[in-house]
Amino acid sequence: MEPRDFFSASAPDDPAQKRFRFRDGRVYFSRRTERQIYFGFTIVLVVLGLLARFGWLG
């Protein structure tokens, strides 16, 4: 399997690409999965920041 080009436009929409791939003790993500994970972390941190700002979080 050849590595994909970093700027390949078809990589995120490739239906054959798995979300998680385990190989040689490492976890590989698709670009779309990585973006979704970081977006989720961002939303959680924003909510926690707002809760802390308004005093609702210890």
PDB file of N, CA and C in Angstrom:
ATOM      1  N   MET A   1       0.844  -1.179   0.000  1.00  0.00           N
ATOM      2  CA  MET A   1       0.000   0.000   0.000  1.00  0.00           C
ATOM      3  C   MET A   1       0.885   1.235   0.000  1.00  0.00           C
ATOM      4  N   GLU A   2       0.689   2.087  -0.966  1.00  0.00           N
ATOM      5  CA  GLU A   2       1.473   3.311  -1.058  1.00  0.00           C
ATOM      6  C   GLU A   2       0.838   4.398  -0.203  1.00  0.00           C
ATOM      7  N   PRO A   3       1.655   5.255   0.401  1.00  0.00           N
ATOM      8  CA  PRO A   3       1.082   6.363   1.176  1.00  0.00           C
ATOM      9  C   PRO A   3       0.363   7.334   0.263  1.00  0.00           C
ATOM     10  N   ARG A   4      -0.688   7.927   0.769  1.00  0.00           N
ATOM     11  CA  ARG A   4      -1.459   8.890  -0.012  1.00  0.00           C
ATOM     12  C   ARG A   4      -0.754  10.239  -0.018  1.00  0.00           C
ATOM     13  N   ASP A   5      -1.021  10.982  -1.054  1.00  0.00           N
ATOM     14  CA  ASP A   5      -0.521  12.339  -1.128  1.00  0.00           C
ATOM     15  C   ASP A   5      -1.224  13.171  -0.055  1.00  0.00           C
ATOM     16  N   PHE A   6      -0.469  13.982   0.663  1.00  0.00           N
ATOM     17  CA  PHE A   6      -1.013  14.762   1.773  1.00  0.00           C
ATOM     18  C   PHE A   6      -2.124  15.693   1.304  1.00  0.00           C
ATOM     19  N   PHE A   7      -2.016  16.234   0.108  1.00  0.00           N
ATOM     20  CA  PHE A   7      -2.983  17.190  -0.394  1.00  0.00           C
ATOM     21  C   PHE A   7      -4.008  16.560  -1.321  1.00  0.00           C
ATOM     22  N   SER A   8      -4.150  15.265  -1.286  1.00  0.00           N
ATOM     23  CA  SER A   8      -5.091  14.588  -2.166  1.00  0.00           C
ATOM     24  C   SER A   8      -6.517  14.988  -1.824  1.00  0.00           C
ATOM     25  N   ALA A   9      -7.248  15.454  -2.806  1.00  0.00           N
ATOM     26  CA  ALA A   9      -8.614  15.913  -2.568  1.00  0.00           C
ATOM     27  C   ALA A   9      -9.582  14.754  -2.370  1.00  0.00           C
ATOM     28  N   SER A  10      -9.251  13.577  -2.890  1.00  0.00           N
ATOM     29  CA  SER A  10     -10.182  12.458  -2.803  1.00  0.00           C
ATOM     30  C   SER A  10     -10.002  11.643  -1.526  1.00  0.00           C
ATOM     31  N   ALA A  11      -8.978  11.874  -0.755  1.00  0.00           N
ATOM     32  CA  ALA A  11      -8.700  11.059   0.425  1.00  0.00           C
ATOM     33  C   ALA A  11      -9.811  11.077   1.469  1.00  0.00           C
ATOM     34  N   PRO A  12     -10.372  12.240   1.872  1.00  0.00           N
ATOM     35  CA  PRO A  12     -11.386  12.214   2.917  1.00  0.00           C
ATOM     36  C   PRO A  12     -12.694  11.559   2.491  1.00  0.00           C
ATOM     37  N   ASP A  13     -13.017  11.584   1.211  1.00  0.00           N
ATOM     38  CA  ASP A  13     -14.291  11.053   0.752  1.00  0.00           C
ATOM     39  C   ASP A  13     -14.202   9.622   0.227  1.00  0.00           C
ATOM     40  N   ASP A  14     -13.048   9.015   0.353  1.00  0.00           N
ATOM     41  CA  ASP A  14     -12.851   7.654  -0.148  1.00  0.00           C
ATOM     42  C   ASP A  14     -13.667   6.677   0.703  1.00  0.00           C
ATOM     43  N   PRO A  15     -14.711   6.045   0.141  1.00  0.00           N
ATOM     44  CA  PRO A  15     -15.555   5.162   0.956  1.00  0.00           C
ATOM     45  C   PRO A  15     -14.846   3.899   1.405  1.00  0.00           C
ATOM     46  N   ALA A  16     -13.774   3.503   0.729  1.00  0.00           N
ATOM     47  CA  ALA A  16     -13.065   2.282   1.108  1.00  0.00           C
ATOM     48  C   ALA A  16     -12.104   2.512   2.263  1.00  0.00           C
ATOM     49  N   GLN A  17     -11.837   3.757   2.597  1.00  0.00           N
ATOM     50  CA  GLN A  17     -10.884   4.066   3.659  1.00  0.00           C
ATOM     51  C   GLN A  17     -11.559   3.859   5.017  1.00  0.00           C
ATOM     52  N   LYS A  18     -10.893   3.120   5.903  1.00  0.00           N
ATOM     53  CA  LYS A  18     -11.440   2.862   7.223  1.00  0.00           C
ATOM     54  C   LYS A  18     -11.168   4.041   8.137  1.00  0.00           C
ATOM     55  N   ARG A  19     -11.983   4.161   9.189  1.00  0.00           N
ATOM     56  CA  ARG A  19     -11.811   5.270  10.130  1.00  0.00           C
ATOM     57  C   ARG A  19     -10.572   5.057  10.989  1.00  0.00           C
ATOM     58  N   PHE A  20     -10.389   3.835  11.494  1.00  0.00           N
ATOM     59  CA  PHE A  20      -9.239   3.510  12.320  1.00  0.00           C
ATOM     60  C   PHE A  20      -8.511   2.341  11.690  1.00  0.00           C
ATOM     61  N   ARG A  21      -7.210   2.382  11.708  1.00  0.00           N
ATOM     62  CA  ARG A  21      -6.424   1.281  11.181  1.00  0.00           C
ATOM     63  C   ARG A  21      -5.282   1.023  12.160  1.00  0.00           C
ATOM     64  N   PHE A  22      -5.168  -0.234  12.633  1.00  0.00           N
ATOM     65  CA  PHE A  22      -4.108  -0.621  13.547  1.00  0.00           C
ATOM     66  C   PHE A  22      -3.047  -1.369  12.763  1.00  0.00           C
ATOM     67  N   ARG A  23      -1.813  -0.872  12.829  1.00  0.00           N
ATOM     68  CA  ARG A  23      -0.724  -1.543  12.137  1.00  0.00           C
ATOM     69  C   ARG A  23       0.567  -1.294  12.912  1.00  0.00           C
ATOM     70  N   ASP A  24       1.316  -2.345  13.173  1.00  0.00           N
ATOM     71  CA  ASP A  24       2.618  -2.261  13.835  1.00  0.00           C
ATOM     72  C   ASP A  24       2.540  -1.539  15.179  1.00  0.00           C
ATOM     73  N   GLY A  25       1.469  -1.767  15.927  1.00  0.00           N
ATOM     74  CA  GLY A  25       1.326  -1.156  17.237  1.00  0.00           C
ATOM     75  C   GLY A  25       0.942   0.313  17.208  1.00  0.00           C
ATOM     76  N   ARG A  26       0.532   0.822  16.064  1.00  0.00           N
ATOM     77  CA  ARG A  26       0.123   2.224  15.938  1.00  0.00           C
ATOM     78  C   ARG A  26      -1.310   2.303  15.452  1.00  0.00           C
ATOM     79  N   VAL A  27      -1.940   3.406  15.773  1.00  0.00           N
ATOM     80  CA  VAL A  27      -3.304   3.658  15.309  1.00  0.00           C
ATOM     81  C   VAL A  27      -3.236   4.742  14.245  1.00  0.00           C
ATOM     82  N   TYR A  28      -3.828   4.460  13.097  1.00  0.00           N
ATOM     83  CA  TYR A  28      -3.879   5.428  12.005  1.00  0.00           C
ATOM     84  C   TYR A  28      -5.330   5.850  11.803  1.00  0.00           C
ATOM     85  N   PHE A  29      -5.558   7.158  11.607  1.00  0.00           N
ATOM     86  CA  PHE A  29      -6.883   7.714  11.392  1.00  0.00           C
ATOM     87  C   PHE A  29      -6.984   8.245   9.980  1.00  0.00           C
ATOM     88  N   SER A  30      -8.203   8.268   9.470  1.00  0.00           N
ATOM     89  CA  SER A  30      -8.427   8.991   8.222  1.00  0.00           C
ATOM     90  C   SER A  30      -8.444  10.486   8.556  1.00  0.00           C
ATOM     91  N   ARG A  31      -8.251  11.309   7.559  1.00  0.00           N
ATOM     92  CA  ARG A  31      -8.264  12.758   7.799  1.00  0.00           C
ATOM     93  C   ARG A  31      -9.609  13.216   8.343  1.00  0.00           C
ATOM     94  N   ARG A  32     -10.656  12.667   7.785  1.00  0.00           N
ATOM     95  CA  ARG A  32     -11.995  13.067   8.220  1.00  0.00           C
ATOM     96  C   ARG A  32     -12.213  12.716   9.684  1.00  0.00           C
ATOM     97  N   THR A  33     -11.781  11.524  10.096  1.00  0.00           N
ATOM     98  CA  THR A  33     -11.925  11.106  11.484  1.00  0.00           C
ATOM     99  C   THR A  33     -11.127  12.016  12.403  1.00  0.00           C
ATOM    100  N   GLU A  34      -9.901  12.339  12.012  1.00  0.00           N
ATOM    101  CA  GLU A  34      -9.066  13.222  12.831  1.00  0.00           C
ATOM    102  C   GLU A  34      -9.719  14.584  13.000  1.00  0.00           C
ATOM    103  N   ARG A  35     -10.271  15.126  11.941  1.00  0.00           N
ATOM    104  CA  ARG A  35     -10.939  16.424  12.024  1.00  0.00           C
ATOM    105  C   ARG A  35     -12.160  16.368  12.924  1.00  0.00           C
ATOM    106  N   GLN A  36     -12.917  15.276  12.852  1.00  0.00           N
ATOM    107  CA  GLN A  36     -14.092  15.130  13.706  1.00  0.00           C
ATOM    108  C   GLN A  36     -13.700  15.018  15.172  1.00  0.00           C
ATOM    109  N   ILE A  37     -12.620  14.303  15.454  1.00  0.00           N
ATOM    110  CA  ILE A  37     -12.148  14.170  16.837  1.00  0.00           C
ATOM    111  C   ILE A  37     -11.724  15.529  17.380  1.00  0.00           C
ATOM    112  N   TYR A  38     -10.917  16.270  16.616  1.00  0.00           N
ATOM    113  CA  TYR A  38     -10.481  17.588  17.079  1.00  0.00           C
ATOM    114  C   TYR A  38     -11.643  18.569  17.204  1.00  0.00           C
ATOM    115  N   PHE A  39     -12.617  18.483  16.330  1.00  0.00           N
ATOM    116  CA  PHE A  39     -13.793  19.343  16.445  1.00  0.00           C
ATOM    117  C   PHE A  39     -14.545  19.037  17.735  1.00  0.00           C
ATOM    118  N   GLY A  40     -14.701  17.751  18.049  1.00  0.00           N
ATOM    119  CA  GLY A  40     -15.367  17.354  19.294  1.00  0.00           C
ATOM    120  C   GLY A  40     -14.617  17.852  20.519  1.00  0.00           C
ATOM    121  N   PHE A  41     -13.286  17.708  20.521  1.00  0.00           N
ATOM    122  CA  PHE A  41     -12.477  18.217  21.634  1.00  0.00           C
ATOM    123  C   PHE A  41     -12.626  19.736  21.765  1.00  0.00           C
ATOM    124  N   THR A  42     -12.681  20.424  20.645  1.00  0.00           N
ATOM    125  CA  THR A  42     -12.817  21.877  20.674  1.00  0.00           C
ATOM    126  C   THR A  42     -14.136  22.286  21.311  1.00  0.00           C
ATOM    127  N   ILE A  43     -15.216  21.633  20.927  1.00  0.00           N
ATOM    128  CA  ILE A  43     -16.535  21.946  21.493  1.00  0.00           C
ATOM    129  C   ILE A  43     -16.547  21.687  22.989  1.00  0.00           C
ATOM    130  N   VAL A  44     -15.987  20.558  23.424  1.00  0.00           N
ATOM    131  CA  VAL A  44     -15.940  20.227  24.855  1.00  0.00           C
ATOM    132  C   VAL A  44     -15.145  21.283  25.613  1.00  0.00           C
ATOM    133  N   LEU A  45     -14.002  21.702  25.087  1.00  0.00           N
ATOM    134  CA  LEU A  45     -13.187  22.707  25.770  1.00  0.00           C
ATOM    135  C   LEU A  45     -13.878  24.068  25.822  1.00  0.00           C
ATOM    136  N   VAL A  46     -14.589  24.437  24.779  1.00  0.00           N
ATOM    137  CA  VAL A  46     -15.332  25.699  24.790  1.00  0.00           C
ATOM    138  C   VAL A  46     -16.418  25.661  25.856  1.00  0.00           C
ATOM    139  N   VAL A  47     -17.147  24.564  25.938  1.00  0.00           N
ATOM    140  CA  VAL A  47     -18.208  24.436  26.946  1.00  0.00           C
ATOM    141  C   VAL A  47     -17.612  24.476  28.348  1.00  0.00           C
ATOM    142  N   LEU A  48     -16.518  23.747  28.572  1.00  0.00           N
ATOM    143  CA  LEU A  48     -15.874  23.776  29.891  1.00  0.00           C
ATOM    144  C   LEU A  48     -15.351  25.170  30.222  1.00  0.00           C
ATOM    145  N   GLY A  49     -14.806  25.865  29.244  1.00  0.00           N
ATOM    146  CA  GLY A  49     -14.335  27.229  29.463  1.00  0.00           C
ATOM    147  C   GLY A  49     -15.463  28.179  29.839  1.00  0.00           C
ATOM    148  N   LEU A  50     -16.601  28.042  29.176  1.00  0.00           N
ATOM    149  CA  LEU A  50     -17.751  28.882  29.509  1.00  0.00           C
ATOM    150  C   LEU A  50     -18.291  28.558  30.895  1.00  0.00           C
ATOM    151  N   LEU A  51     -18.344  27.279  31.229  1.00  0.00           N
ATOM    152  CA  LEU A  51     -18.803  26.888  32.567  1.00  0.00           C
ATOM    153  C   LEU A  51     -17.875  27.442  33.641  1.00  0.00           C
ATOM    154  N   ALA A  52     -16.573  27.371  33.404  1.00  0.00           N
ATOM    155  CA  ALA A  52     -15.614  27.910  34.381  1.00  0.00           C
ATOM    156  C   ALA A  52     -15.713  29.430  34.451  1.00  0.00           C
ATOM    157  N   ARG A  53     -15.920  30.083  33.321  1.00  0.00           N
ATOM    158  CA  ARG A  53     -16.009  31.549  33.286  1.00  0.00           C
ATOM    159  C   ARG A  53     -17.184  32.059  34.071  1.00  0.00           C
ATOM    160  N   PHE A  54     -18.313  31.376  33.975  1.00  0.00           N
ATOM    161  CA  PHE A  54     -19.521  31.830  34.678  1.00  0.00           C
ATOM    162  C   PHE A  54     -19.681  31.225  36.069  1.00  0.00           C
ATOM    163  N   GLY A  55     -18.671  30.503  36.524  1.00  0.00           N
ATOM    164  CA  GLY A  55     -18.654  30.011  37.895  1.00  0.00           C
ATOM    165  C   GLY A  55     -19.482  28.764  38.154  1.00  0.00           C
ATOM    166  N   TRP A  56     -19.922  28.074  37.108  1.00  0.00           N
ATOM    167  CA  TRP A  56     -20.711  26.873  37.303  1.00  0.00           C
ATOM    168  C   TRP A  56     -19.843  25.633  37.440  1.00  0.00           C
ATOM    169  N   LEU A  57     -18.565  25.815  37.236  1.00  0.00           N
ATOM    170  CA  LEU A  57     -17.628  24.693  37.327  1.00  0.00           C
ATOM    171  C   LEU A  57     -16.587  25.059  38.374  1.00  0.00           C
ATOM    172  N   GLY A  58     -16.487  24.213  39.407  1.00  0.00           N
ATOM    173  CA  GLY A  58     -15.578  24.406  40.533  1.00  0.00           C
ATOM    174  C   GLY A  58     -14.443  25.242  40.262  1.00  0.00           C
TER     175      GLY A  58
END
